[in-house]
Amino acid sequence: MGTVAVLVAAVVLMSLVLYWSGRHGGRGRIGGTSLRRGPGAHTTSTGRAKISYATKEEAQEQARRMSHADGVRMSVYQCVRCAKWHLGH
């Protein structure tokens, strides 16, 4: 009986955490963004809108500048949702 109660409590707690994180997100996130964003999301990990670039070359130039400034290699990809170009890690 005690084990069942602990399992039920754990499931309820996990459900509340997923519900709360989907509505409010973590610190620095904009309310309404989801932790389960998926590949088609147009928000960054902090909940801000992703910047779109019209051409691959424009995105590559920005990725090069950011990589040089931050020391972190950035890549570019064409979005399946909007067909524009975005930057990623």
PDB file of N, CA and C in Angstrom:
ATOM      1  N   MET A   1       0.818  -1.191   0.000  1.00  0.00           N
ATOM      2  CA  MET A   1       0.000   0.000   0.000  1.00  0.00           C
ATOM      3  C   MET A   1       0.861   1.254   0.000  1.00  0.00           C
ATOM      4  N   GLY A   2       1.939   1.259   0.791  1.00  0.00           N
ATOM      5  CA  GLY A   2       2.831   2.411   0.876  1.00  0.00           C
ATOM      6  C   GLY A   2       3.548   2.675  -0.439  1.00  0.00           C
ATOM      7  N   THR A   3       3.940   1.611  -1.134  1.00  0.00           N
ATOM      8  CA  THR A   3       4.627   1.755  -2.413  1.00  0.00           C
ATOM      9  C   THR A   3       3.706   2.374  -3.462  1.00  0.00           C
ATOM     10  N   VAL A   4       2.461   1.951  -3.466  1.00  0.00           N
ATOM     11  CA  VAL A   4       1.484   2.495  -4.414  1.00  0.00           C
ATOM     12  C   VAL A   4       1.268   3.981  -4.157  1.00  0.00           C
ATOM     13  N   ALA A   5       1.188   4.368  -2.905  1.00  0.00           N
ATOM     14  CA  ALA A   5       0.992   5.780  -2.556  1.00  0.00           C
ATOM     15  C   ALA A   5       2.179   6.622  -3.006  1.00  0.00           C
ATOM     16  N   VAL A   6       3.386   6.093  -2.839  1.00  0.00           N
ATOM     17  CA  VAL A   6       4.591   6.811  -3.266  1.00  0.00           C
ATOM     18  C   VAL A   6       4.603   6.951  -4.790  1.00  0.00           C
ATOM     19  N   LEU A   7       4.245   5.904  -5.511  1.00  0.00           N
ATOM     20  CA  LEU A   7       4.203   5.961  -6.976  1.00  0.00           C
ATOM     21  C   LEU A   7       3.159   6.958  -7.462  1.00  0.00           C
ATOM     22  N   VAL A   8       1.994   6.949  -6.848  1.00  0.00           N
ATOM     23  CA  VAL A   8       0.936   7.898  -7.226  1.00  0.00           C
ATOM     24  C   VAL A   8       1.396   9.325  -6.960  1.00  0.00           C
ATOM     25  N   ALA A   9       2.025   9.553  -5.816  1.00  0.00           N
ATOM     26  CA  ALA A   9       2.528  10.887  -5.482  1.00  0.00           C
ATOM     27  C   ALA A   9       3.593  11.330  -6.485  1.00  0.00           C
ATOM     28  N   ALA A  10       4.468  10.423  -6.896  1.00  0.00           N
ATOM     29  CA  ALA A  10       5.516  10.745  -7.861  1.00  0.00           C
ATOM     30  C   ALA A  10       4.913  11.112  -9.219  1.00  0.00           C
ATOM     31  N   VAL A  11       3.915  10.374  -9.655  1.00  0.00           N
ATOM     32  CA  VAL A  11       3.265  10.660 -10.931  1.00  0.00           C
ATOM     33  C   VAL A  11       2.554  12.008 -10.887  1.00  0.00           C
ATOM     34  N   VAL A  12       1.885  12.284  -9.799  1.00  0.00           N
ATOM     35  CA  VAL A  12       1.193  13.575  -9.643  1.00  0.00           C
ATOM     36  C   VAL A  12       2.216  14.709  -9.655  1.00  0.00           C
ATOM     37  N   LEU A  13       3.304  14.551  -8.926  1.00  0.00           N
ATOM     38  CA  LEU A  13       4.340  15.567  -8.871  1.00  0.00           C
ATOM     39  C   LEU A  13       4.954  15.803 -10.258  1.00  0.00           C
ATOM     40  N   MET A  14       5.261  14.751 -10.970  1.00  0.00           N
ATOM     41  CA  MET A  14       5.822  14.887 -12.320  1.00  0.00           C
ATOM     42  C   MET A  14       4.836  15.578 -13.253  1.00  0.00           C
ATOM     43  N   SER A  15       3.575  15.249 -13.141  1.00  0.00           N
ATOM     44  CA  SER A  15       2.557  15.893 -13.977  1.00  0.00           C
ATOM     45  C   SER A  15       2.477  17.384 -13.691  1.00  0.00           C
ATOM     46  N   LEU A  16       2.527  17.753 -12.425  1.00  0.00           N
ATOM     47  CA  LEU A  16       2.497  19.171 -12.056  1.00  0.00           C
ATOM     48  C   LEU A  16       3.731  19.917 -12.578  1.00  0.00           C
ATOM     49  N   VAL A  17       4.898  19.291 -12.484  1.00  0.00           N
ATOM     50  CA  VAL A  17       6.128  19.920 -12.981  1.00  0.00           C
ATOM     51  C   VAL A  17       6.039  20.131 -14.482  1.00  0.00           C
ATOM     52  N   LEU A  18       5.594  19.132 -15.228  1.00  0.00           N
ATOM     53  CA  LEU A  18       5.467  19.280 -16.682  1.00  0.00           C
ATOM     54  C   LEU A  18       4.424  20.328 -17.046  1.00  0.00           C
ATOM     55  N   TYR A  19       3.320  20.352 -16.332  1.00  0.00           N
ATOM     56  CA  TYR A  19       2.296  21.358 -16.579  1.00  0.00           C
ATOM     57  C   TYR A  19       2.842  22.747 -16.299  1.00  0.00           C
ATOM     58  N   TRP A  20       3.487  22.924 -15.166  1.00  0.00           N
ATOM     59  CA  TRP A  20       4.008  24.235 -14.783  1.00  0.00           C
ATOM     60  C   TRP A  20       5.100  24.687 -15.746  1.00  0.00           C
ATOM     61  N   SER A  21       6.024  23.806 -16.122  1.00  0.00           N
ATOM     62  CA  SER A  21       7.120  24.187 -17.017  1.00  0.00           C
ATOM     63  C   SER A  21       6.602  24.528 -18.404  1.00  0.00           C
ATOM     64  N   GLY A  22       5.547  23.871 -18.848  1.00  0.00           N
ATOM     65  CA  GLY A  22       4.974  24.180 -20.154  1.00  0.00           C
ATOM     66  C   GLY A  22       4.307  25.535 -20.191  1.00  0.00           C
ATOM     67  N   ARG A  23       3.776  25.987 -19.048  1.00  0.00           N
ATOM     68  CA  ARG A  23       3.098  27.284 -18.987  1.00  0.00           C
ATOM     69  C   ARG A  23       4.051  28.415 -18.669  1.00  0.00           C
ATOM     70  N   HIS A  24       5.014  28.165 -17.790  1.00  0.00           N
ATOM     71  CA  HIS A  24       5.826  29.249 -17.271  1.00  0.00           C
ATOM     72  C   HIS A  24       7.305  29.130 -17.606  1.00  0.00           C
ATOM     73  N   GLY A  25       7.784  27.932 -17.860  1.00  0.00           N
ATOM     74  CA  GLY A  25       9.187  27.756 -18.194  1.00  0.00           C
ATOM     75  C   GLY A  25      10.106  28.020 -17.016  1.00  0.00           C
ATOM     76  N   GLY A  26      11.376  27.977 -17.302  1.00  0.00           N
ATOM     77  CA  GLY A  26      12.369  28.211 -16.271  1.00  0.00           C
ATOM     78  C   GLY A  26      12.718  29.687 -16.158  1.00  0.00           C
ATOM     79  N   ARG A  27      13.683  29.974 -15.314  1.00  0.00           N
ATOM     80  CA  ARG A  27      14.127  31.345 -15.099  1.00  0.00           C
ATOM     81  C   ARG A  27      14.647  31.915 -16.425  1.00  0.00           C
ATOM     82  N   GLY A  28      14.254  33.113 -16.786  1.00  0.00           N
ATOM     83  CA  GLY A  28      14.692  33.732 -18.026  1.00  0.00           C
ATOM     84  C   GLY A  28      13.831  33.384 -19.224  1.00  0.00           C
ATOM     85  N   ARG A  29      12.851  32.514 -19.049  1.00  0.00           N
ATOM     86  CA  ARG A  29      11.981  32.127 -20.160  1.00  0.00           C
ATOM     87  C   ARG A  29      10.750  33.007 -20.164  1.00  0.00           C
ATOM     88  N   ILE A  30      10.215  33.240 -21.330  1.00  0.00           N
ATOM     89  CA  ILE A  30       8.990  34.008 -21.479  1.00  0.00           C
ATOM     90  C   ILE A  30       7.820  33.072 -21.215  1.00  0.00           C
ATOM     91  N   GLY A  31       6.850  33.480 -20.418  1.00  0.00           N
ATOM     92  CA  GLY A  31       5.700  32.657 -20.109  1.00  0.00           C
ATOM     93  C   GLY A  31       4.992  32.177 -21.365  1.00  0.00           C
ATOM     94  N   GLY A  32       4.561  30.954 -21.361  1.00  0.00           N
ATOM     95  CA  GLY A  32       3.848  30.393 -22.498  1.00  0.00           C
ATOM     96  C   GLY A  32       4.728  29.557 -23.407  1.00  0.00           C
ATOM     97  N   THR A  33       6.058  29.628 -23.230  1.00  0.00           N
ATOM     98  CA  THR A  33       6.925  28.771 -24.028  1.00  0.00           C
ATOM     99  C   THR A  33       7.001  27.412 -23.362  1.00  0.00           C
ATOM    100  N   SER A  34       7.325  26.420 -24.107  1.00  0.00           N
ATOM    101  CA  SER A  34       7.313  25.061 -23.592  1.00  0.00           C
ATOM    102  C   SER A  34       8.713  24.490 -23.541  1.00  0.00           C
ATOM    103  N   LEU A  35       8.983  23.688 -22.550  1.00  0.00           N
ATOM    104  CA  LEU A  35      10.256  22.976 -22.502  1.00  0.00           C
ATOM    105  C   LEU A  35      10.290  21.887 -23.566  1.00  0.00           C
ATOM    106  N   ARG A  36       9.140  21.515 -24.089  1.00  0.00           N
ATOM    107  CA  ARG A  36       9.050  20.492 -25.133  1.00  0.00           C
ATOM    108  C   ARG A  36       8.883  21.193 -26.473  1.00  0.00           C
ATOM    109  N   ARG A  37       9.853  22.050 -26.838  1.00  0.00           N
ATOM    110  CA  ARG A  37       9.734  22.905 -28.010  1.00  0.00           C
ATOM    111  C   ARG A  37       9.738  22.122 -29.313  1.00  0.00           C
ATOM    112  N   GLY A  38      10.637  21.188 -29.449  1.00  0.00           N
ATOM    113  CA  GLY A  38      10.717  20.418 -30.677  1.00  0.00           C
ATOM    114  C   GLY A  38      11.436  21.166 -31.781  1.00  0.00           C
ATOM    115  N   PRO A  39      11.740  20.466 -32.897  1.00  0.00           N
ATOM    116  CA  PRO A  39      12.549  21.050 -33.961  1.00  0.00           C
ATOM    117  C   PRO A  39      11.862  22.160 -34.742  1.00  0.00           C
ATOM    118  N   GLY A  40      10.550  22.250 -34.707  1.00  0.00           N
ATOM    119  CA  GLY A  40       9.851  23.280 -35.471  1.00  0.00           C
ATOM    120  C   GLY A  40       9.562  24.541 -34.678  1.00  0.00           C
ATOM    121  N   ALA A  41      10.065  24.617 -33.452  1.00  0.00           N
ATOM    122  CA  ALA A  41       9.771  25.773 -32.602  1.00  0.00           C
ATOM    123  C   ALA A  41      10.485  27.009 -33.108  1.00  0.00           C
ATOM    124  N   HIS A  42       9.856  28.138 -32.985  1.00  0.00           N
ATOM    125  CA  HIS A  42      10.472  29.399 -33.379  1.00  0.00           C
ATOM    126  C   HIS A  42      10.894  30.210 -32.163  1.00  0.00           C
ATOM    127  N   THR A  43      11.311  29.506 -31.106  1.00  0.00           N
ATOM    128  CA  THR A  43      11.824  30.177 -29.923  1.00  0.00           C
ATOM    129  C   THR A  43      13.153  29.561 -29.531  1.00  0.00           C
ATOM    130  N   THR A  44      13.999  30.368 -28.898  1.00  0.00           N
ATOM    131  CA  THR A  44      15.271  29.868 -28.390  1.00  0.00           C
ATOM    132  C   THR A  44      15.039  29.145 -27.075  1.00  0.00           C
ATOM    133  N   SER A  45      16.106  28.624 -26.494  1.00  0.00           N
ATOM    134  CA  SER A  45      15.971  27.934 -25.212  1.00  0.00           C
ATOM    135  C   SER A  45      15.557  28.883 -24.097  1.00  0.00           C
ATOM    136  N   THR A  46      15.739  30.199 -24.295  1.00  0.00           N
ATOM    137  CA  THR A  46      15.309  31.172 -23.293  1.00  0.00           C
ATOM    138  C   THR A  46      13.913  31.707 -23.575  1.00  0.00           C
ATOM    139  N   GLY A  47      13.266  31.217 -24.629  1.00  0.00           N
ATOM    140  CA  GLY A  47      11.898  31.622 -24.928  1.00  0.00           C
ATOM    141  C   GLY A  47      11.774  32.815 -25.866  1.00  0.00           C
ATOM    142  N   ARG A  48      12.884  33.348 -26.321  1.00  0.00           N
ATOM    143  CA  ARG A  48      12.841  34.484 -27.250  1.00  0.00           C
ATOM    144  C   ARG A  48      12.664  33.984 -28.680  1.00  0.00           C
ATOM    145  N   ALA A  49      12.099  34.832 -29.523  1.00  0.00           N
ATOM    146  CA  ALA A  49      11.899  34.469 -30.930  1.00  0.00           C
ATOM    147  C   ALA A  49      13.245  34.292 -31.624  1.00  0.00           C
ATOM    148  N   LYS A  50      13.354  33.267 -32.462  1.00  0.00           N
ATOM    149  CA  LYS A  50      14.574  33.048 -33.225  1.00  0.00           C
ATOM    150  C   LYS A  50      14.696  34.110 -34.310  1.00  0.00           C
ATOM    151  N   ILE A  51      15.931  34.485 -34.611  1.00  0.00           N
ATOM    152  CA  ILE A  51      16.186  35.433 -35.689  1.00  0.00           C
ATOM    153  C   ILE A  51      16.225  34.658 -36.998  1.00  0.00           C
ATOM    154  N   SER A  52      15.555  35.175 -38.008  1.00  0.00           N
ATOM    155  CA  SER A  52      15.512  34.530 -39.326  1.00  0.00           C
ATOM    156  C   SER A  52      16.392  35.307 -40.297  1.00  0.00           C
ATOM    157  N   TYR A  53      17.012  34.585 -41.203  1.00  0.00           N
ATOM    158  CA  TYR A  53      17.832  35.181 -42.251  1.00  0.00           C
ATOM    159  C   TYR A  53      17.273  34.732 -43.590  1.00  0.00           C
ATOM    160  N   ALA A  54      17.211  35.656 -44.526  1.00  0.00           N
ATOM    161  CA  ALA A  54      16.607  35.370 -45.830  1.00  0.00           C
ATOM    162  C   ALA A  54      17.459  34.432 -46.670  1.00  0.00           C
ATOM    163  N   THR A  55      18.796  34.535 -46.543  1.00  0.00           N
ATOM    164  CA  THR A  55      19.678  33.708 -47.362  1.00  0.00           C
ATOM    165  C   THR A  55      20.625  32.902 -46.478  1.00  0.00           C
ATOM    166  N   LYS A  56      21.117  31.823 -47.035  1.00  0.00           N
ATOM    167  CA  LYS A  56      22.083  30.986 -46.327  1.00  0.00           C
ATOM    168  C   LYS A  56      23.379  31.755 -46.088  1.00  0.00           C
ATOM    169  N   GLU A  57      23.786  32.550 -47.066  1.00  0.00           N
ATOM    170  CA  GLU A  57      25.030  33.313 -46.964  1.00  0.00           C
ATOM    171  C   GLU A  57      24.958  34.330 -45.814  1.00  0.00           C
ATOM    172  N   GLU A  58      23.823  34.998 -45.698  1.00  0.00           N
ATOM    173  CA  GLU A  58      23.627  35.969 -44.624  1.00  0.00           C
ATOM    174  C   GLU A  58      23.712  35.271 -43.259  1.00  0.00           C
ATOM    175  N   ALA A  59      23.083  34.118 -43.146  1.00  0.00           N
ATOM    176  CA  ALA A  59      23.120  33.359 -41.898  1.00  0.00           C
ATOM    177  C   ALA A  59      24.533  32.865 -41.598  1.00  0.00           C
ATOM    178  N   GLN A  60      25.257  32.403 -42.631  1.00  0.00           N
ATOM    179  CA  GLN A  60      26.618  31.924 -42.424  1.00  0.00           C
ATOM    180  C   GLN A  60      27.544  33.048 -41.964  1.00  0.00           C
ATOM    181  N   GLU A  61      27.367  34.237 -42.509  1.00  0.00           N
ATOM    182  CA  GLU A  61      28.184  35.374 -42.093  1.00  0.00           C
ATOM    183  C   GLU A  61      27.934  35.710 -40.622  1.00  0.00           C
ATOM    184  N   GLN A  62      26.679  35.718 -40.220  1.00  0.00           N
ATOM    185  CA  GLN A  62      26.354  35.989 -38.813  1.00  0.00           C
ATOM    186  C   GLN A  62      26.889  34.875 -37.912  1.00  0.00           C
ATOM    187  N   ALA A  63      26.788  33.632 -38.350  1.00  0.00           N
ATOM    188  CA  ALA A  63      27.314  32.507 -37.563  1.00  0.00           C
ATOM    189  C   ALA A  63      28.825  32.638 -37.406  1.00  0.00           C
ATOM    190  N   ARG A  64      29.515  33.069 -38.462  1.00  0.00           N
ATOM    191  CA  ARG A  64      30.961  33.251 -38.398  1.00  0.00           C
ATOM    192  C   ARG A  64      31.302  34.339 -37.381  1.00  0.00           C
ATOM    193  N   ARG A  65      30.566  35.465 -37.423  1.00  0.00           N
ATOM    194  CA  ARG A  65      30.813  36.556 -36.481  1.00  0.00           C
ATOM    195  C   ARG A  65      30.568  36.109 -35.033  1.00  0.00           C
ATOM    196  N   MET A  66      29.471  35.403 -34.814  1.00  0.00           N
ATOM    197  CA  MET A  66      29.152  34.952 -33.463  1.00  0.00           C
ATOM    198  C   MET A  66      30.167  33.920 -32.967  1.00  0.00           C
ATOM    199  N   SER A  67      30.590  33.013 -33.843  1.00  0.00           N
ATOM    200  CA  SER A  67      31.577  32.003 -33.470  1.00  0.00           C
ATOM    201  C   SER A  67      32.892  32.666 -33.084  1.00  0.00           C
ATOM    202  N   HIS A  68      33.283  33.684 -33.830  1.00  0.00           N
ATOM    203  CA  HIS A  68      34.533  34.392 -33.542  1.00  0.00           C
ATOM    204  C   HIS A  68      34.423  35.144 -32.214  1.00  0.00           C
ATOM    205  N   ALA A  69      33.295  35.797 -31.973  1.00  0.00           N
ATOM    206  CA  ALA A  69      33.116  36.594 -30.759  1.00  0.00           C
ATOM    207  C   ALA A  69      32.960  35.727 -29.504  1.00  0.00           C
ATOM    208  N   ASP A  70      32.223  34.633 -29.601  1.00  0.00           N
ATOM    209  CA  ASP A  70      31.912  33.801 -28.437  1.00  0.00           C
ATOM    210  C   ASP A  70      32.848  32.611 -28.258  1.00  0.00           C
ATOM    211  N   GLY A  71      33.542  32.231 -29.321  1.00  0.00           N
ATOM    212  CA  GLY A  71      34.394  31.059 -29.254  1.00  0.00           C
ATOM    213  C   GLY A  71      33.626  29.754 -29.334  1.00  0.00           C
ATOM    214  N   VAL A  72      32.331  29.822 -29.676  1.00  0.00           N
ATOM    215  CA  VAL A  72      31.484  28.638 -29.802  1.00  0.00           C
ATOM    216  C   VAL A  72      31.071  28.511 -31.261  1.00  0.00           C
ATOM    217  N   ARG A  73      31.297  27.333 -31.837  1.00  0.00           N
ATOM    218  CA  ARG A  73      30.966  27.133 -33.248  1.00  0.00           C
ATOM    219  C   ARG A  73      29.456  27.152 -33.452  1.00  0.00           C
ATOM    220  N   MET A  74      29.013  27.997 -34.371  1.00  0.00           N
ATOM    221  CA  MET A  74      27.592  28.090 -34.707  1.00  0.00           C
ATOM    222  C   MET A  74      27.393  27.480 -36.092  1.00  0.00           C
ATOM    223  N   SER A  75      26.239  26.902 -36.300  1.00  0.00           N
ATOM    224  CA  SER A  75      25.903  26.344 -37.604  1.00  0.00           C
ATOM    225  C   SER A  75      24.615  26.988 -38.104  1.00  0.00           C
ATOM    226  N   VAL A  76      24.334  26.803 -39.377  1.00  0.00           N
ATOM    227  CA  VAL A  76      23.108  27.346 -39.958  1.00  0.00           C
ATOM    228  C   VAL A  76      22.252  26.192 -40.465  1.00  0.00           C
ATOM    229  N   TYR A  77      20.946  26.399 -40.449  1.00  0.00           N
ATOM    230  CA  TYR A  77      20.039  25.396 -40.982  1.00  0.00           C
ATOM    231  C   TYR A  77      18.807  26.082 -41.545  1.00  0.00           C
ATOM    232  N   GLN A  78      18.216  25.436 -42.543  1.00  0.00           N
ATOM    233  CA  GLN A  78      16.989  25.971 -43.126  1.00  0.00           C
ATOM    234  C   GLN A  78      15.806  25.402 -42.356  1.00  0.00           C
ATOM    235  N   CYS A  79      14.950  26.301 -41.921  1.00  0.00           N
ATOM    236  CA  CYS A  79      13.803  25.922 -41.102  1.00  0.00           C
ATOM    237  C   CYS A  79      12.743  25.231 -41.963  1.00  0.00           C
ATOM    238  N   VAL A  80      12.231  24.107 -41.485  1.00  0.00           N
ATOM    239  CA  VAL A  80      11.190  23.395 -42.212  1.00  0.00           C
ATOM    240  C   VAL A  80       9.845  24.096 -42.079  1.00  0.00           C
ATOM    241  N   ARG A  81       9.729  24.955 -41.074  1.00  0.00           N
ATOM    242  CA  ARG A  81       8.464  25.635 -40.822  1.00  0.00           C
ATOM    243  C   ARG A  81       8.298  26.913 -41.653  1.00  0.00           C
ATOM    244  N   CYS A  82       9.377  27.730 -41.735  1.00  0.00           N
ATOM    245  CA  CYS A  82       9.261  29.019 -42.421  1.00  0.00           C
ATOM    246  C   CYS A  82      10.143  29.112 -43.661  1.00  0.00           C
ATOM    247  N   ALA A  83      10.980  28.127 -43.914  1.00  0.00           N
ATOM    248  CA  ALA A  83      11.888  28.067 -45.072  1.00  0.00           C
ATOM    249  C   ALA A  83      12.968  29.147 -45.045  1.00  0.00           C
ATOM    250  N   LYS A  84      13.122  29.859 -43.917  1.00  0.00           N
ATOM    251  CA  LYS A  84      14.213  30.808 -43.780  1.00  0.00           C
ATOM    252  C   LYS A  84      15.354  30.114 -43.057  1.00  0.00           C
ATOM    253  N   TRP A  85      16.427  30.850 -42.801  1.00  0.00           N
ATOM    254  CA  TRP A  85      17.626  30.283 -42.199  1.00  0.00           C
ATOM    255  C   TRP A  85      17.768  30.748 -40.754  1.00  0.00           C
ATOM    256  N   HIS A  86      18.167  29.830 -39.872  1.00  0.00           N
ATOM    257  CA  HIS A  86      18.383  30.103 -38.461  1.00  0.00           C
ATOM    258  C   HIS A  86      19.778  29.639 -38.071  1.00  0.00           C
ATOM    259  N   LEU A  87      20.248  30.097 -36.908  1.00  0.00           N
ATOM    260  CA  LEU A  87      21.537  29.669 -36.361  1.00  0.00           C
ATOM    261  C   LEU A  87      21.295  28.678 -35.243  1.00  0.00           C
ATOM    262  N   GLY A  88      22.241  27.779 -35.087  1.00  0.00           N
ATOM    263  CA  GLY A  88      22.173  26.794 -34.004  1.00  0.00           C
ATOM    264  C   GLY A  88      23.560  26.430 -33.537  1.00  0.00           C
ATOM    265  N   HIS A  89      23.612  25.676 -32.436  1.00  0.00           N
ATOM    266  CA  HIS A  89      24.907  25.251 -31.890  1.00  0.00           C
ATOM    267  C   HIS A  89      25.258  23.908 -32.465  1.00  0.00           C
TER     268      HIS A  89
END
